Amino acid sequence: GLLNPNTKDSVPPNVTLIYTLSCRSFYGPFEK
């Protein structure tokens, strides 16, 4: 309901998106 409002004329709200990738390499584990 927050991300996809039911009302006829409303559009989805602008949101902030934060994502963190968990990785590992020869140099060790890290996150981006």
PDB file of all heavy atoms in Angstrom:
ATOM      1  N   GLY A   1       0.808  -1.211   0.000  1.00  0.00           N
ATOM      2  CA  GLY A   1       0.000   0.000   0.000  1.00  0.00           C
ATOM      3  C   GLY A   1       0.842   1.262   0.000  1.00  0.00           C
ATOM      4  O   GLY A   1       0.477   2.266  -0.617  1.00  0.00           O
ATOM      5  N   LEU A   2       1.994   1.242   0.681  1.00  0.00           N
ATOM      6  CA  LEU A   2       2.877   2.412   0.699  1.00  0.00           C
ATOM      7  C   LEU A   2       3.592   2.606  -0.640  1.00  0.00           C
ATOM      8  O   LEU A   2       3.731   3.727  -1.124  1.00  0.00           O
ATOM      9  CB  LEU A   2       3.930   2.277   1.807  1.00  0.00           C
ATOM     10  CG  LEU A   2       3.451   2.464   3.237  1.00  0.00           C
ATOM     11  CD1 LEU A   2       4.584   2.171   4.207  1.00  0.00           C
ATOM     12  CD2 LEU A   2       2.934   3.874   3.441  1.00  0.00           C
ATOM     13  N   LEU A   3       4.063   1.515  -1.226  1.00  0.00           N
ATOM     14  CA  LEU A   3       4.852   1.607  -2.457  1.00  0.00           C
ATOM     15  C   LEU A   3       4.000   1.643  -3.718  1.00  0.00           C
ATOM     16  O   LEU A   3       4.465   2.059  -4.776  1.00  0.00           O
ATOM     17  CB  LEU A   3       5.838   0.434  -2.535  1.00  0.00           C
ATOM     18  CG  LEU A   3       6.894   0.398  -1.437  1.00  0.00           C
ATOM     19  CD1 LEU A   3       7.702  -0.875  -1.526  1.00  0.00           C
ATOM     20  CD2 LEU A   3       7.787   1.621  -1.501  1.00  0.00           C
ATOM     21  N   ASN A   4       2.758   1.185  -3.621  1.00  0.00           N
ATOM     22  CA  ASN A   4       1.863   1.157  -4.775  1.00  0.00           C
ATOM     23  C   ASN A   4       0.475   1.605  -4.316  1.00  0.00           C
ATOM     24  O   ASN A   4      -0.395   0.783  -4.077  1.00  0.00           O
ATOM     25  CB  ASN A   4       1.806  -0.264  -5.359  1.00  0.00           C
ATOM     26  CG  ASN A   4       0.947  -0.338  -6.590  1.00  0.00           C
ATOM     27  OD1 ASN A   4       0.648   0.667  -7.212  1.00  0.00           O
ATOM     28  ND2 ASN A   4       0.538  -1.547  -6.938  1.00  0.00           N
ATOM     29  N   PRO A   5       0.261   2.930  -4.177  1.00  0.00           N
ATOM     30  CA  PRO A   5      -1.024   3.421  -3.652  1.00  0.00           C
ATOM     31  C   PRO A   5      -2.209   2.957  -4.498  1.00  0.00           C
ATOM     32  O   PRO A   5      -2.121   2.857  -5.717  1.00  0.00           O
ATOM     33  CB  PRO A   5      -0.879   4.939  -3.714  1.00  0.00           C
ATOM     34  CG  PRO A   5       0.583   5.199  -3.820  1.00  0.00           C
ATOM     35  CD  PRO A   5       1.173   4.003  -4.495  1.00  0.00           C
ATOM     36  N   ASN A   6      -3.332   2.688  -3.818  1.00  0.00           N
ATOM     37  CA  ASN A   6      -4.524   2.162  -4.496  1.00  0.00           C
ATOM     38  C   ASN A   6      -5.352   3.232  -5.184  1.00  0.00           C
ATOM     39  O   ASN A   6      -6.162   2.919  -6.037  1.00  0.00           O
ATOM     40  CB  ASN A   6      -5.416   1.427  -3.484  1.00  0.00           C
ATOM     41  CG  ASN A   6      -4.776   0.137  -3.036  1.00  0.00           C
ATOM     42  OD1 ASN A   6      -3.938  -0.408  -3.721  1.00  0.00           O
ATOM     43  ND2 ASN A   6      -5.165  -0.334  -1.874  1.00  0.00           N
ATOM     44  N   THR A   7      -5.192   4.494  -4.806  1.00  0.00           N
ATOM     45  CA  THR A   7      -6.042   5.526  -5.379  1.00  0.00           C
ATOM     46  C   THR A   7      -5.791   5.667  -6.869  1.00  0.00           C
ATOM     47  O   THR A   7      -4.688   5.443  -7.357  1.00  0.00           O
ATOM     48  CB  THR A   7      -5.823   6.882  -4.682  1.00  0.00           C
ATOM     49  OG1 THR A   7      -4.450   7.214  -4.773  1.00  0.00           O
ATOM     50  CG2 THR A   7      -6.245   6.817  -3.239  1.00  0.00           C
ATOM     51  N   LYS A   8      -6.801   6.056  -7.568  1.00  0.00           N
ATOM     52  CA  LYS A   8      -6.805   6.040  -9.030  1.00  0.00           C
ATOM     53  C   LYS A   8      -5.753   6.969  -9.664  1.00  0.00           C
ATOM     54  O   LYS A   8      -5.084   6.607 -10.604  1.00  0.00           O
ATOM     55  CB  LYS A   8      -8.198   6.426  -9.515  1.00  0.00           C
ATOM     56  CG  LYS A   8      -8.412   6.297 -10.990  1.00  0.00           C
ATOM     57  CD  LYS A   8      -9.854   6.616 -11.324  1.00  0.00           C
ATOM     58  CE  LYS A   8     -10.126   6.469 -12.791  1.00  0.00           C
ATOM     59  NZ  LYS A   8     -11.507   6.795 -13.117  1.00  0.00           N
ATOM     60  N   ASP A   9      -5.611   8.179  -9.124  1.00  0.00           N
ATOM     61  CA  ASP A   9      -4.740   9.168  -9.752  1.00  0.00           C
ATOM     62  C   ASP A   9      -3.348   9.256  -9.136  1.00  0.00           C
ATOM     63  O   ASP A   9      -2.542  10.067  -9.575  1.00  0.00           O
ATOM     64  CB  ASP A   9      -5.394  10.558  -9.683  1.00  0.00           C
ATOM     65  CG  ASP A   9      -6.691  10.596 -10.464  1.00  0.00           C
ATOM     66  OD1 ASP A   9      -6.788   9.871 -11.473  1.00  0.00           O
ATOM     67  OD2 ASP A   9      -7.605  11.332 -10.054  1.00  0.00           O
ATOM     68  N   SER A  10      -3.047   8.463  -8.117  1.00  0.00           N
ATOM     69  CA  SER A  10      -1.752   8.594  -7.467  1.00  0.00           C
ATOM     70  C   SER A  10      -0.690   7.771  -8.195  1.00  0.00           C
ATOM     71  O   SER A  10      -0.971   6.765  -8.830  1.00  0.00           O
ATOM     72  CB  SER A  10      -1.844   8.162  -6.008  1.00  0.00           C
ATOM     73  OG  SER A  10      -2.154   6.796  -5.940  1.00  0.00           O
ATOM     74  N   VAL A  11       0.533   8.247  -8.111  1.00  0.00           N
ATOM     75  CA  VAL A  11       1.676   7.562  -8.704  1.00  0.00           C
ATOM     76  C   VAL A  11       2.517   6.990  -7.573  1.00  0.00           C
ATOM     77  O   VAL A  11       2.438   7.459  -6.436  1.00  0.00           O
ATOM     78  CB  VAL A  11       2.516   8.525  -9.576  1.00  0.00           C
ATOM     79  CG1 VAL A  11       1.714   9.004 -10.764  1.00  0.00           C
ATOM     80  CG2 VAL A  11       3.009   9.695  -8.755  1.00  0.00           C
ATOM     81  N   PRO A  12       3.351   5.988  -7.858  1.00  0.00           N
ATOM     82  CA  PRO A  12       4.217   5.452  -6.798  1.00  0.00           C
ATOM     83  C   PRO A  12       5.133   6.550  -6.265  1.00  0.00           C
ATOM     84  O   PRO A  12       5.605   7.393  -7.023  1.00  0.00           O
ATOM     85  CB  PRO A  12       5.015   4.356  -7.513  1.00  0.00           C
ATOM     86  CG  PRO A  12       4.186   3.980  -8.681  1.00  0.00           C
ATOM     87  CD  PRO A  12       3.457   5.223  -9.095  1.00  0.00           C
ATOM     88  N   PRO A  13       5.397   6.554  -4.960  1.00  0.00           N
ATOM     89  CA  PRO A  13       6.238   7.589  -4.368  1.00  0.00           C
ATOM     90  C   PRO A  13       7.704   7.408  -4.739  1.00  0.00           C
ATOM     91  O   PRO A  13       8.137   6.312  -5.088  1.00  0.00           O
ATOM     92  CB  PRO A  13       6.026   7.384  -2.868  1.00  0.00           C
ATOM     93  CG  PRO A  13       5.746   5.923  -2.745  1.00  0.00           C
ATOM     94  CD  PRO A  13       4.955   5.571  -3.985  1.00  0.00           C
ATOM     95  N   ASN A  14       8.453   8.497  -4.682  1.00  0.00           N
ATOM     96  CA  ASN A  14       9.903   8.409  -4.848  1.00  0.00           C
ATOM     97  C   ASN A  14      10.498   7.891  -3.544  1.00  0.00           C
ATOM     98  O   ASN A  14      10.168   8.376  -2.472  1.00  0.00           O
ATOM     99  CB  ASN A  14      10.495   9.768  -5.192  1.00  0.00           C
ATOM    100  CG  ASN A  14      10.140  10.199  -6.594  1.00  0.00           C
ATOM    101  OD1 ASN A  14       9.932   9.374  -7.473  1.00  0.00           O
ATOM    102  ND2 ASN A  14      10.064  11.484  -6.813  1.00  0.00           N
ATOM    103  N   VAL A  15      11.370   6.907  -3.635  1.00  0.00           N
ATOM    104  CA  VAL A  15      11.950   6.272  -2.460  1.00  0.00           C
ATOM    105  C   VAL A  15      13.470   6.387  -2.515  1.00  0.00           C
ATOM    106  O   VAL A  15      14.054   6.694  -3.548  1.00  0.00           O
ATOM    107  CB  VAL A  15      11.542   4.785  -2.370  1.00  0.00           C
ATOM    108  CG1 VAL A  15      10.042   4.634  -2.234  1.00  0.00           C
ATOM    109  CG2 VAL A  15      12.058   3.994  -3.552  1.00  0.00           C
ATOM    110  N   THR A  16      14.088   6.136  -1.377  1.00  0.00           N
ATOM    111  CA  THR A  16      15.539   6.019  -1.310  1.00  0.00           C
ATOM    112  C   THR A  16      15.863   4.538  -1.263  1.00  0.00           C
ATOM    113  O   THR A  16      15.286   3.796  -0.463  1.00  0.00           O
ATOM    114  CB  THR A  16      16.094   6.726  -0.061  1.00  0.00           C
ATOM    115  OG1 THR A  16      15.761   8.111  -0.134  1.00  0.00           O
ATOM    116  CG2 THR A  16      17.597   6.574   0.034  1.00  0.00           C
ATOM    117  N   LEU A  17      16.765   4.112  -2.105  1.00  0.00           N
ATOM    118  CA  LEU A  17      17.152   2.714  -2.209  1.00  0.00           C
ATOM    119  C   LEU A  17      18.611   2.586  -1.783  1.00  0.00           C
ATOM    120  O   LEU A  17      19.472   3.288  -2.316  1.00  0.00           O
ATOM    121  CB  LEU A  17      16.971   2.228  -3.647  1.00  0.00           C
ATOM    122  CG  LEU A  17      17.447   0.832  -3.979  1.00  0.00           C
ATOM    123  CD1 LEU A  17      16.590  -0.200  -3.259  1.00  0.00           C
ATOM    124  CD2 LEU A  17      17.410   0.604  -5.475  1.00  0.00           C
ATOM    125  N   ILE A  18      18.863   1.727  -0.806  1.00  0.00           N
ATOM    126  CA  ILE A  18      20.227   1.468  -0.348  1.00  0.00           C
ATOM    127  C   ILE A  18      20.455  -0.034  -0.459  1.00  0.00           C
ATOM    128  O   ILE A  18      19.689  -0.824   0.090  1.00  0.00           O
ATOM    129  CB  ILE A  18      20.425   1.905   1.117  1.00  0.00           C
ATOM    130  CG1 ILE A  18      20.097   3.395   1.276  1.00  0.00           C
ATOM    131  CG2 ILE A  18      21.850   1.614   1.580  1.00  0.00           C
ATOM    132  CD1 ILE A  18      20.020   3.856   2.712  1.00  0.00           C
ATOM    133  N   TYR A  19      21.496  -0.417  -1.204  1.00  0.00           N
ATOM    134  CA  TYR A  19      21.821  -1.837  -1.247  1.00  0.00           C
ATOM    135  C   TYR A  19      23.315  -2.039  -1.023  1.00  0.00           C
ATOM    136  O   TYR A  19      24.133  -1.200  -1.390  1.00  0.00           O
ATOM    137  CB  TYR A  19      21.341  -2.520  -2.533  1.00  0.00           C
ATOM    138  CG  TYR A  19      21.961  -2.031  -3.815  1.00  0.00           C
ATOM    139  CD1 TYR A  19      23.113  -2.616  -4.320  1.00  0.00           C
ATOM    140  CD2 TYR A  19      21.385  -1.000  -4.541  1.00  0.00           C
ATOM    141  CE1 TYR A  19      23.672  -2.178  -5.501  1.00  0.00           C
ATOM    142  CE2 TYR A  19      21.927  -0.558  -5.716  1.00  0.00           C
ATOM    143  CZ  TYR A  19      23.081  -1.161  -6.198  1.00  0.00           C
ATOM    144  OH  TYR A  19      23.636  -0.718  -7.369  1.00  0.00           O
ATOM    145  N   THR A  20      23.634  -3.138  -0.355  1.00  0.00           N
ATOM    146  CA  THR A  20      25.008  -3.470  -0.023  1.00  0.00           C
ATOM    147  C   THR A  20      25.320  -4.847  -0.583  1.00  0.00           C
ATOM    148  O   THR A  20      24.638  -5.821  -0.251  1.00  0.00           O
ATOM    149  CB  THR A  20      25.212  -3.466   1.505  1.00  0.00           C
ATOM    150  OG1 THR A  20      24.863  -2.178   2.014  1.00  0.00           O
ATOM    151  CG2 THR A  20      26.647  -3.768   1.865  1.00  0.00           C
ATOM    152  N   LEU A  21      26.330  -4.908  -1.438  1.00  0.00           N
ATOM    153  CA  LEU A  21      26.782  -6.184  -1.992  1.00  0.00           C
ATOM    154  C   LEU A  21      27.857  -6.765  -1.078  1.00  0.00           C
ATOM    155  O   LEU A  21      28.816  -6.070  -0.720  1.00  0.00           O
ATOM    156  CB  LEU A  21      27.360  -5.992  -3.390  1.00  0.00           C
ATOM    157  CG  LEU A  21      26.364  -5.610  -4.475  1.00  0.00           C
ATOM    158  CD1 LEU A  21      27.100  -5.198  -5.738  1.00  0.00           C
ATOM    159  CD2 LEU A  21      25.431  -6.757  -4.764  1.00  0.00           C
ATOM    160  N   SER A  22      27.709  -8.020  -0.688  1.00  0.00           N
ATOM    161  CA  SER A  22      28.709  -8.721   0.110  1.00  0.00           C
ATOM    162  C   SER A  22      29.593  -9.513  -0.843  1.00  0.00           C
ATOM    163  O   SER A  22      29.090 -10.335  -1.620  1.00  0.00           O
ATOM    164  CB  SER A  22      28.041  -9.659   1.115  1.00  0.00           C
ATOM    165  OG  SER A  22      27.193  -8.922   1.972  1.00  0.00           O
ATOM    166  N   CYS A  23      30.895  -9.257  -0.787  1.00  0.00           N
ATOM    167  CA  CYS A  23      31.827  -9.837  -1.762  1.00  0.00           C
ATOM    168  C   CYS A  23      33.027 -10.449  -1.052  1.00  0.00           C
ATOM    169  O   CYS A  23      33.338 -10.118   0.086  1.00  0.00           O
ATOM    170  CB  CYS A  23      32.336  -8.754  -2.719  1.00  0.00           C
ATOM    171  SG  CYS A  23      31.070  -7.753  -3.484  1.00  0.00           S
ATOM    172  N   ARG A  24      33.712 -11.305  -1.789  1.00  0.00           N
ATOM    173  CA  ARG A  24      35.018 -11.789  -1.332  1.00  0.00           C
ATOM    174  C   ARG A  24      35.920 -11.921  -2.547  1.00  0.00           C
ATOM    175  O   ARG A  24      35.465 -12.191  -3.664  1.00  0.00           O
ATOM    176  CB  ARG A  24      34.920 -13.071  -0.530  1.00  0.00           C
ATOM    177  CG  ARG A  24      34.364 -14.271  -1.203  1.00  0.00           C
ATOM    178  CD  ARG A  24      34.476 -15.533  -0.336  1.00  0.00           C
ATOM    179  NE  ARG A  24      33.560 -15.579   0.758  1.00  0.00           N
ATOM    180  CZ  ARG A  24      32.389 -16.196   0.745  1.00  0.00           C
ATOM    181  NH1 ARG A  24      31.988 -16.816  -0.323  1.00  0.00           N
ATOM    182  NH2 ARG A  24      31.611 -16.196   1.792  1.00  0.00           N
ATOM    183  N   SER A  25      37.198 -11.688  -2.291  1.00  0.00           N
ATOM    184  CA  SER A  25      38.194 -11.777  -3.357  1.00  0.00           C
ATOM    185  C   SER A  25      39.502 -12.259  -2.758  1.00  0.00           C
ATOM    186  O   SER A  25      39.574 -12.578  -1.567  1.00  0.00           O
ATOM    187  CB  SER A  25      38.389 -10.407  -4.024  1.00  0.00           C
ATOM    188  OG  SER A  25      39.088  -9.539  -3.159  1.00  0.00           O
ATOM    189  N   PHE A  26      40.528 -12.261  -3.576  1.00  0.00           N
ATOM    190  CA  PHE A  26      41.870 -12.623  -3.127  1.00  0.00           C
ATOM    191  C   PHE A  26      42.312 -11.724  -1.969  1.00  0.00           C
ATOM    192  O   PHE A  26      43.052 -12.143  -1.091  1.00  0.00           O
ATOM    193  CB  PHE A  26      42.838 -12.490  -4.309  1.00  0.00           C
ATOM    194  CG  PHE A  26      44.276 -12.669  -3.947  1.00  0.00           C
ATOM    195  CD1 PHE A  26      44.806 -13.936  -3.739  1.00  0.00           C
ATOM    196  CD2 PHE A  26      45.112 -11.568  -3.807  1.00  0.00           C
ATOM    197  CE1 PHE A  26      46.135 -14.095  -3.400  1.00  0.00           C
ATOM    198  CE2 PHE A  26      46.441 -11.723  -3.467  1.00  0.00           C
ATOM    199  CZ  PHE A  26      46.950 -12.986  -3.262  1.00  0.00           C
ATOM    200  N   TYR A  27      41.821 -10.496  -1.943  1.00  0.00           N
ATOM    201  CA  TYR A  27      42.224  -9.515  -0.945  1.00  0.00           C
ATOM    202  C   TYR A  27      41.416  -9.614   0.346  1.00  0.00           C
ATOM    203  O   TYR A  27      41.653  -8.872   1.281  1.00  0.00           O
ATOM    204  CB  TYR A  27      42.094  -8.104  -1.527  1.00  0.00           C
ATOM    205  CG  TYR A  27      42.875  -7.950  -2.805  1.00  0.00           C
ATOM    206  CD1 TYR A  27      42.227  -7.884  -4.022  1.00  0.00           C
ATOM    207  CD2 TYR A  27      44.258  -7.915  -2.784  1.00  0.00           C
ATOM    208  CE1 TYR A  27      42.941  -7.777  -5.201  1.00  0.00           C
ATOM    209  CE2 TYR A  27      44.988  -7.805  -3.958  1.00  0.00           C
ATOM    210  CZ  TYR A  27      44.318  -7.740  -5.163  1.00  0.00           C
ATOM    211  OH  TYR A  27      45.036  -7.638  -6.317  1.00  0.00           O
ATOM    212  N   GLY A  28      40.418 -10.499   0.390  1.00  0.00           N
ATOM    213  CA  GLY A  28      39.608 -10.687   1.577  1.00  0.00           C
ATOM    214  C   GLY A  28      38.168 -10.278   1.347  1.00  0.00           C
ATOM    215  O   GLY A  28      37.808  -9.773   0.288  1.00  0.00           O
ATOM    216  N   PRO A  29      37.317 -10.470   2.372  1.00  0.00           N
ATOM    217  CA  PRO A  29      35.899 -10.091   2.231  1.00  0.00           C
ATOM    218  C   PRO A  29      35.729  -8.579   2.357  1.00  0.00           C
ATOM    219  O   PRO A  29      36.483  -7.914   3.067  1.00  0.00           O
ATOM    220  CB  PRO A  29      35.220 -10.820   3.383  1.00  0.00           C
ATOM    221  CG  PRO A  29      36.290 -11.048   4.384  1.00  0.00           C
ATOM    222  CD  PRO A  29      37.580 -11.148   3.637  1.00  0.00           C
ATOM    223  N   PHE A  30      34.736  -8.054   1.658  1.00  0.00           N
ATOM    224  CA  PHE A  30      34.410  -6.630   1.759  1.00  0.00           C
ATOM    225  C   PHE A  30      32.971  -6.423   1.323  1.00  0.00           C
ATOM    226  O   PHE A  30      32.349  -7.307   0.749  1.00  0.00           O
ATOM    227  CB  PHE A  30      35.374  -5.757   0.936  1.00  0.00           C
ATOM    228  CG  PHE A  30      35.304  -5.987  -0.544  1.00  0.00           C
ATOM    229  CD1 PHE A  30      34.498  -5.190  -1.341  1.00  0.00           C
ATOM    230  CD2 PHE A  30      36.038  -6.989  -1.151  1.00  0.00           C
ATOM    231  CE1 PHE A  30      34.418  -5.391  -2.703  1.00  0.00           C
ATOM    232  CE2 PHE A  30      35.971  -7.199  -2.516  1.00  0.00           C
ATOM    233  CZ  PHE A  30      35.173  -6.397  -3.294  1.00  0.00           C
ATOM    234  N   GLU A  31      32.455  -5.228   1.614  1.00  0.00           N
ATOM    235  CA  GLU A  31      31.093  -4.862   1.216  1.00  0.00           C
ATOM    236  C   GLU A  31      31.120  -3.540   0.468  1.00  0.00           C
ATOM    237  O   GLU A  31      31.921  -2.666   0.780  1.00  0.00           O
ATOM    238  CB  GLU A  31      30.182  -4.741   2.447  1.00  0.00           C
ATOM    239  CG  GLU A  31      29.940  -6.057   3.130  1.00  0.00           C
ATOM    240  CD  GLU A  31      28.977  -5.953   4.286  1.00  0.00           C
ATOM    241  OE1 GLU A  31      28.899  -4.874   4.912  1.00  0.00           O
ATOM    242  OE2 GLU A  31      28.300  -6.954   4.560  1.00  0.00           O
ATOM    243  N   LYS A  32      30.257  -3.413  -0.515  1.00  0.00           N
ATOM    244  CA  LYS A  32      30.122  -2.183  -1.295  1.00  0.00           C
ATOM    245  C   LYS A  32      28.676  -1.715  -1.171  1.00  0.00           C
ATOM    246  O   LYS A  32      27.755  -2.438  -1.522  1.00  0.00           O
ATOM    247  CB  LYS A  32      30.485  -2.446  -2.764  1.00  0.00           C
ATOM    248  CG  LYS A  32      30.224  -1.294  -3.687  1.00  0.00           C
ATOM    249  CD  LYS A  32      31.095  -0.104  -3.377  1.00  0.00           C
ATOM    250  CE  LYS A  32      30.836   1.011  -4.384  1.00  0.00           C
ATOM    251  NZ  LYS A  32      31.463   2.241  -4.023  1.00  0.00           N
TER     252      LYS A  32
END
